[in-house]
């Protein structure tokens, strides 16, 4: 997430590979690492909706940041930028395609 926050201005959009279980987690991490002031949130832009699971939220998009499933077809022709690691463990892989940063 720190890489995304530091480099997001270089891209027209950022996509996090997310499913219904990880969307809200990635969204919360993004807000935390970007040090975003919650008082500045435009709640109509966030478009939070409750899912069938009473305690799970979907945050499909926030500004140019999107949280959605990334399929293989989205990575065709993408440039591999490398892994995101922490404590010698690979957490995610990042790609760039058509001005979009994709975190898988």
N, C-alpha and C. Protein backbone atom coordinates (compact mmCIF):
# COMPACT_ATOMS: atom_id res chain seq x y z
N UNK A 1 0.82 -1.19 0.00
CA UNK A 1 0.00 0.00 0.00
C UNK A 1 0.86 1.26 0.00
N UNK A 2 2.00 1.18 0.68
CA UNK A 2 2.88 2.34 0.70
C UNK A 2 3.39 2.67 -0.70
N UNK A 3 3.68 1.66 -1.51
CA UNK A 3 4.11 1.89 -2.88
C UNK A 3 3.01 2.60 -3.68
N UNK A 4 1.80 2.13 -3.53
CA UNK A 4 0.67 2.71 -4.26
C UNK A 4 0.49 4.17 -3.88
N UNK A 5 0.50 4.46 -2.60
CA UNK A 5 0.31 5.83 -2.13
C UNK A 5 1.42 6.73 -2.66
N UNK A 6 2.66 6.23 -2.65
CA UNK A 6 3.80 7.03 -3.10
C UNK A 6 3.80 7.28 -4.60
N UNK A 7 3.22 6.37 -5.40
CA UNK A 7 3.30 6.46 -6.85
C UNK A 7 1.97 6.68 -7.56
N UNK A 8 0.89 6.84 -6.82
CA UNK A 8 -0.42 6.94 -7.46
C UNK A 8 -0.56 8.14 -8.38
N UNK A 9 0.17 9.20 -8.13
CA UNK A 9 0.07 10.38 -9.00
C UNK A 9 0.65 10.12 -10.39
N UNK A 10 1.42 9.05 -10.55
CA UNK A 10 1.99 8.70 -11.85
C UNK A 10 1.01 7.94 -12.73
N UNK A 11 -0.17 7.62 -12.22
CA UNK A 11 -1.12 6.78 -12.95
C UNK A 11 -2.49 7.44 -13.02
N UNK A 12 -3.22 7.14 -14.10
CA UNK A 12 -4.57 7.70 -14.23
C UNK A 12 -5.57 6.93 -13.37
N UNK A 13 -5.24 5.67 -13.06
CA UNK A 13 -6.09 4.88 -12.17
C UNK A 13 -5.26 3.79 -11.50
N UNK A 14 -5.80 3.28 -10.41
CA UNK A 14 -5.15 2.21 -9.66
C UNK A 14 -6.22 1.16 -9.37
N UNK A 15 -5.91 -0.10 -9.69
CA UNK A 15 -6.86 -1.19 -9.44
C UNK A 15 -6.24 -2.18 -8.47
N UNK A 16 -6.96 -2.47 -7.39
CA UNK A 16 -6.57 -3.51 -6.44
C UNK A 16 -7.39 -4.76 -6.73
N UNK A 17 -6.71 -5.88 -6.90
CA UNK A 17 -7.42 -7.14 -7.07
C UNK A 17 -8.16 -7.42 -5.76
N UNK A 18 -9.47 -7.43 -5.82
CA UNK A 18 -10.26 -7.59 -4.61
C UNK A 18 -11.47 -8.45 -4.88
N UNK A 19 -11.86 -9.19 -3.88
CA UNK A 19 -13.13 -9.89 -3.92
C UNK A 19 -13.98 -9.34 -2.79
N UNK A 20 -15.14 -9.89 -2.59
CA UNK A 20 -16.04 -9.34 -1.58
C UNK A 20 -15.47 -9.43 -0.17
N UNK A 21 -14.49 -10.29 0.04
CA UNK A 21 -13.90 -10.43 1.38
C UNK A 21 -12.78 -9.43 1.62
N UNK A 22 -12.12 -8.95 0.54
CA UNK A 22 -10.95 -8.10 0.74
C UNK A 22 -11.17 -6.64 0.35
N UNK A 23 -12.29 -6.30 -0.28
CA UNK A 23 -12.51 -4.92 -0.70
C UNK A 23 -12.40 -3.94 0.45
N UNK A 24 -13.13 -4.21 1.53
CA UNK A 24 -13.13 -3.27 2.63
C UNK A 24 -11.78 -3.21 3.32
N UNK A 25 -11.04 -4.31 3.35
CA UNK A 25 -9.73 -4.31 3.97
C UNK A 25 -8.76 -3.45 3.17
N UNK A 26 -8.72 -3.63 1.85
CA UNK A 26 -7.84 -2.82 1.01
C UNK A 26 -8.20 -1.35 1.09
N UNK A 27 -9.47 -1.05 1.14
CA UNK A 27 -9.93 0.33 1.24
C UNK A 27 -9.45 0.97 2.55
N UNK A 28 -9.58 0.25 3.63
CA UNK A 28 -9.15 0.77 4.93
C UNK A 28 -7.64 0.97 4.95
N UNK A 29 -6.88 0.01 4.40
CA UNK A 29 -5.43 0.17 4.31
C UNK A 29 -5.06 1.40 3.48
N UNK A 30 -5.77 1.59 2.37
CA UNK A 30 -5.48 2.75 1.53
C UNK A 30 -5.67 4.05 2.31
N UNK A 31 -6.79 4.17 3.00
CA UNK A 31 -7.05 5.39 3.77
C UNK A 31 -6.00 5.58 4.87
N UNK A 32 -5.61 4.50 5.52
CA UNK A 32 -4.62 4.59 6.59
C UNK A 32 -3.26 5.04 6.05
N UNK A 33 -2.75 4.34 5.04
CA UNK A 33 -1.42 4.66 4.53
C UNK A 33 -1.35 5.99 3.79
N UNK A 34 -2.48 6.44 3.27
CA UNK A 34 -2.46 7.74 2.60
C UNK A 34 -2.67 8.88 3.59
N UNK A 35 -2.89 8.55 4.87
CA UNK A 35 -3.12 9.54 5.93
C UNK A 35 -4.29 10.46 5.58
N UNK A 36 -5.29 9.89 4.94
CA UNK A 36 -6.44 10.67 4.51
C UNK A 36 -7.30 11.05 5.71
N UNK A 37 -7.68 12.30 5.77
CA UNK A 37 -8.51 12.81 6.86
C UNK A 37 -9.95 12.37 6.63
N UNK A 38 -10.53 11.55 7.50
CA UNK A 38 -11.90 11.07 7.31
C UNK A 38 -12.93 12.18 7.17
N UNK A 39 -12.66 13.34 7.73
CA UNK A 39 -13.59 14.46 7.63
C UNK A 39 -13.71 14.98 6.20
N UNK A 40 -12.72 14.65 5.36
CA UNK A 40 -12.74 15.11 3.97
C UNK A 40 -13.38 14.11 3.01
N UNK A 41 -13.80 12.98 3.52
CA UNK A 41 -14.39 11.95 2.65
C UNK A 41 -15.69 12.44 2.04
N UNK A 42 -15.84 12.21 0.76
CA UNK A 42 -17.09 12.47 0.07
C UNK A 42 -17.85 11.15 0.07
N UNK A 43 -18.74 10.98 0.99
CA UNK A 43 -19.39 9.68 1.18
C UNK A 43 -20.25 9.28 -0.01
N UNK A 44 -20.73 10.24 -0.79
CA UNK A 44 -21.50 9.88 -1.98
C UNK A 44 -20.58 9.30 -3.05
N UNK A 45 -19.30 9.68 -3.05
CA UNK A 45 -18.34 9.16 -4.02
C UNK A 45 -17.91 7.74 -3.66
N UNK A 46 -17.86 7.44 -2.38
CA UNK A 46 -17.40 6.14 -1.92
C UNK A 46 -18.34 5.04 -2.37
N UNK A 47 -19.63 5.30 -2.34
CA UNK A 47 -20.63 4.34 -2.81
C UNK A 47 -20.54 3.02 -2.06
N UNK A 48 -20.56 3.09 -0.75
CA UNK A 48 -20.53 1.88 0.08
C UNK A 48 -21.90 1.23 0.06
N UNK A 49 -21.93 -0.06 -0.10
CA UNK A 49 -23.20 -0.78 -0.02
C UNK A 49 -23.01 -2.04 0.82
N UNK A 50 -24.02 -2.39 1.57
CA UNK A 50 -23.96 -3.62 2.36
C UNK A 50 -24.14 -4.82 1.45
N UNK A 51 -23.40 -5.86 1.72
CA UNK A 51 -23.56 -7.09 0.95
C UNK A 51 -24.48 -8.02 1.72
N UNK A 52 -24.61 -9.22 1.23
CA UNK A 52 -25.45 -10.21 1.91
C UNK A 52 -24.90 -10.53 3.30
N UNK A 53 -23.61 -10.32 3.48
CA UNK A 53 -23.01 -10.55 4.80
C UNK A 53 -23.17 -9.26 5.60
N UNK A 54 -23.82 -9.34 6.69
CA UNK A 54 -24.17 -8.14 7.46
C UNK A 54 -22.97 -7.29 7.86
N UNK A 55 -21.81 -7.89 7.99
CA UNK A 55 -20.65 -7.13 8.47
C UNK A 55 -19.63 -6.85 7.37
N UNK A 56 -19.99 -7.04 6.12
CA UNK A 56 -19.04 -6.85 5.03
C UNK A 56 -19.50 -5.71 4.14
N UNK A 57 -18.61 -4.79 3.82
CA UNK A 57 -18.92 -3.65 2.98
C UNK A 57 -18.22 -3.80 1.64
N UNK A 58 -18.83 -3.25 0.60
CA UNK A 58 -18.18 -3.19 -0.70
C UNK A 58 -17.84 -1.73 -0.99
N UNK A 59 -16.63 -1.47 -1.33
CA UNK A 59 -16.20 -0.14 -1.74
C UNK A 59 -15.62 -0.30 -3.14
N UNK A 60 -16.45 -0.23 -4.18
CA UNK A 60 -15.95 -0.51 -5.51
C UNK A 60 -14.98 0.53 -6.05
N UNK A 61 -15.12 1.78 -5.65
CA UNK A 61 -14.25 2.82 -6.20
C UNK A 61 -14.18 3.99 -5.25
N UNK A 62 -12.99 4.57 -5.16
CA UNK A 62 -12.81 5.80 -4.41
C UNK A 62 -11.86 6.68 -5.21
N UNK A 63 -12.37 7.73 -5.82
CA UNK A 63 -11.54 8.55 -6.69
C UNK A 63 -11.03 7.72 -7.85
N UNK A 64 -9.72 7.71 -8.05
CA UNK A 64 -9.15 6.90 -9.13
C UNK A 64 -8.71 5.52 -8.64
N UNK A 65 -9.02 5.19 -7.41
CA UNK A 65 -8.69 3.89 -6.84
C UNK A 65 -9.90 2.98 -6.96
N UNK A 66 -9.70 1.79 -7.57
CA UNK A 66 -10.79 0.83 -7.73
C UNK A 66 -10.43 -0.48 -7.02
N UNK A 67 -11.43 -1.11 -6.46
CA UNK A 67 -11.28 -2.38 -5.78
C UNK A 67 -12.20 -3.37 -6.48
N UNK A 68 -11.61 -4.22 -7.33
CA UNK A 68 -12.42 -5.16 -8.10
C UNK A 68 -11.57 -6.36 -8.49
N UNK A 69 -12.22 -7.45 -8.87
CA UNK A 69 -11.44 -8.63 -9.30
C UNK A 69 -10.64 -8.32 -10.56
N UNK A 70 -9.40 -8.79 -10.58
CA UNK A 70 -8.52 -8.64 -11.74
C UNK A 70 -8.37 -10.02 -12.37
N UNK A 71 -8.81 -10.13 -13.60
CA UNK A 71 -8.69 -11.39 -14.32
C UNK A 71 -7.47 -11.39 -15.22
N UNK A 72 -7.10 -12.56 -15.73
CA UNK A 72 -5.93 -12.67 -16.60
C UNK A 72 -5.99 -11.76 -17.82
N UNK A 73 -7.19 -11.56 -18.37
CA UNK A 73 -7.31 -10.72 -19.56
C UNK A 73 -6.91 -9.26 -19.29
N UNK A 74 -7.05 -8.83 -18.05
CA UNK A 74 -6.67 -7.45 -17.70
C UNK A 74 -5.16 -7.27 -17.67
N UNK A 75 -4.43 -8.39 -17.55
CA UNK A 75 -2.97 -8.30 -17.46
C UNK A 75 -2.27 -8.55 -18.79
N UNK A 76 -3.02 -8.90 -19.83
CA UNK A 76 -2.42 -9.13 -21.15
C UNK A 76 -1.80 -7.83 -21.63
N UNK A 77 -0.51 -7.87 -21.95
CA UNK A 77 0.20 -6.70 -22.42
C UNK A 77 0.67 -5.76 -21.32
N UNK A 78 0.44 -6.12 -20.06
CA UNK A 78 0.86 -5.26 -18.95
C UNK A 78 2.35 -5.43 -18.68
N UNK A 79 2.96 -4.38 -18.20
CA UNK A 79 4.37 -4.43 -17.81
C UNK A 79 4.47 -4.86 -16.35
N UNK A 80 5.25 -5.90 -16.09
CA UNK A 80 5.45 -6.39 -14.73
C UNK A 80 6.44 -5.46 -14.04
N UNK A 81 6.03 -4.87 -12.93
CA UNK A 81 6.89 -3.94 -12.20
C UNK A 81 7.61 -4.61 -11.04
N UNK A 82 7.09 -5.73 -10.57
CA UNK A 82 7.77 -6.46 -9.50
C UNK A 82 6.87 -6.81 -8.35
N UNK A 83 7.44 -7.52 -7.40
CA UNK A 83 6.65 -7.91 -6.23
C UNK A 83 6.67 -6.83 -5.16
N UNK A 84 5.66 -6.84 -4.33
CA UNK A 84 5.65 -6.03 -3.12
C UNK A 84 5.92 -7.01 -1.99
N UNK A 85 7.01 -6.79 -1.29
CA UNK A 85 7.41 -7.74 -0.24
C UNK A 85 7.42 -7.06 1.12
N UNK A 86 7.28 -7.90 2.12
CA UNK A 86 7.39 -7.45 3.51
C UNK A 86 7.96 -8.61 4.30
N UNK A 87 9.06 -8.37 5.01
CA UNK A 87 9.71 -9.40 5.82
C UNK A 87 10.00 -10.65 4.98
N UNK A 88 10.55 -10.43 3.79
CA UNK A 88 10.92 -11.50 2.85
C UNK A 88 9.72 -12.34 2.40
N UNK A 89 8.52 -11.82 2.49
CA UNK A 89 7.32 -12.51 2.02
C UNK A 89 6.69 -11.68 0.92
N UNK A 90 6.34 -12.31 -0.19
CA UNK A 90 5.68 -11.60 -1.28
C UNK A 90 4.21 -11.43 -0.94
N UNK A 91 3.77 -10.17 -0.90
CA UNK A 91 2.38 -9.88 -0.57
C UNK A 91 1.53 -9.71 -1.82
N UNK A 92 2.04 -8.98 -2.79
CA UNK A 92 1.32 -8.70 -4.02
C UNK A 92 2.31 -8.52 -5.16
N UNK A 93 1.78 -8.52 -6.38
CA UNK A 93 2.57 -8.21 -7.56
C UNK A 93 1.97 -6.97 -8.21
N UNK A 94 2.81 -6.12 -8.77
CA UNK A 94 2.29 -4.91 -9.39
C UNK A 94 2.62 -4.88 -10.88
N UNK A 95 1.67 -4.36 -11.64
CA UNK A 95 1.77 -4.25 -13.08
C UNK A 95 1.34 -2.85 -13.50
N UNK A 96 1.76 -2.46 -14.69
CA UNK A 96 1.34 -1.20 -15.27
C UNK A 96 0.81 -1.47 -16.67
N UNK A 97 -0.36 -0.90 -16.96
CA UNK A 97 -0.93 -1.08 -18.29
C UNK A 97 -1.79 0.13 -18.63
N UNK A 98 -1.47 0.76 -19.73
CA UNK A 98 -2.27 1.89 -20.25
C UNK A 98 -2.52 2.96 -19.20
N UNK A 99 -1.51 3.31 -18.41
CA UNK A 99 -1.66 4.35 -17.39
C UNK A 99 -2.34 3.90 -16.12
N UNK A 100 -2.54 2.59 -15.99
CA UNK A 100 -3.18 2.03 -14.80
C UNK A 100 -2.19 1.19 -14.02
N UNK A 101 -2.15 1.40 -12.72
CA UNK A 101 -1.36 0.56 -11.83
C UNK A 101 -2.27 -0.54 -11.32
N UNK A 102 -1.85 -1.80 -11.51
CA UNK A 102 -2.69 -2.94 -11.10
C UNK A 102 -1.95 -3.72 -10.01
N UNK A 103 -2.60 -3.89 -8.88
CA UNK A 103 -2.03 -4.61 -7.74
C UNK A 103 -2.75 -5.94 -7.62
N UNK A 104 -2.00 -7.04 -7.79
CA UNK A 104 -2.62 -8.38 -7.79
C UNK A 104 -2.08 -9.17 -6.61
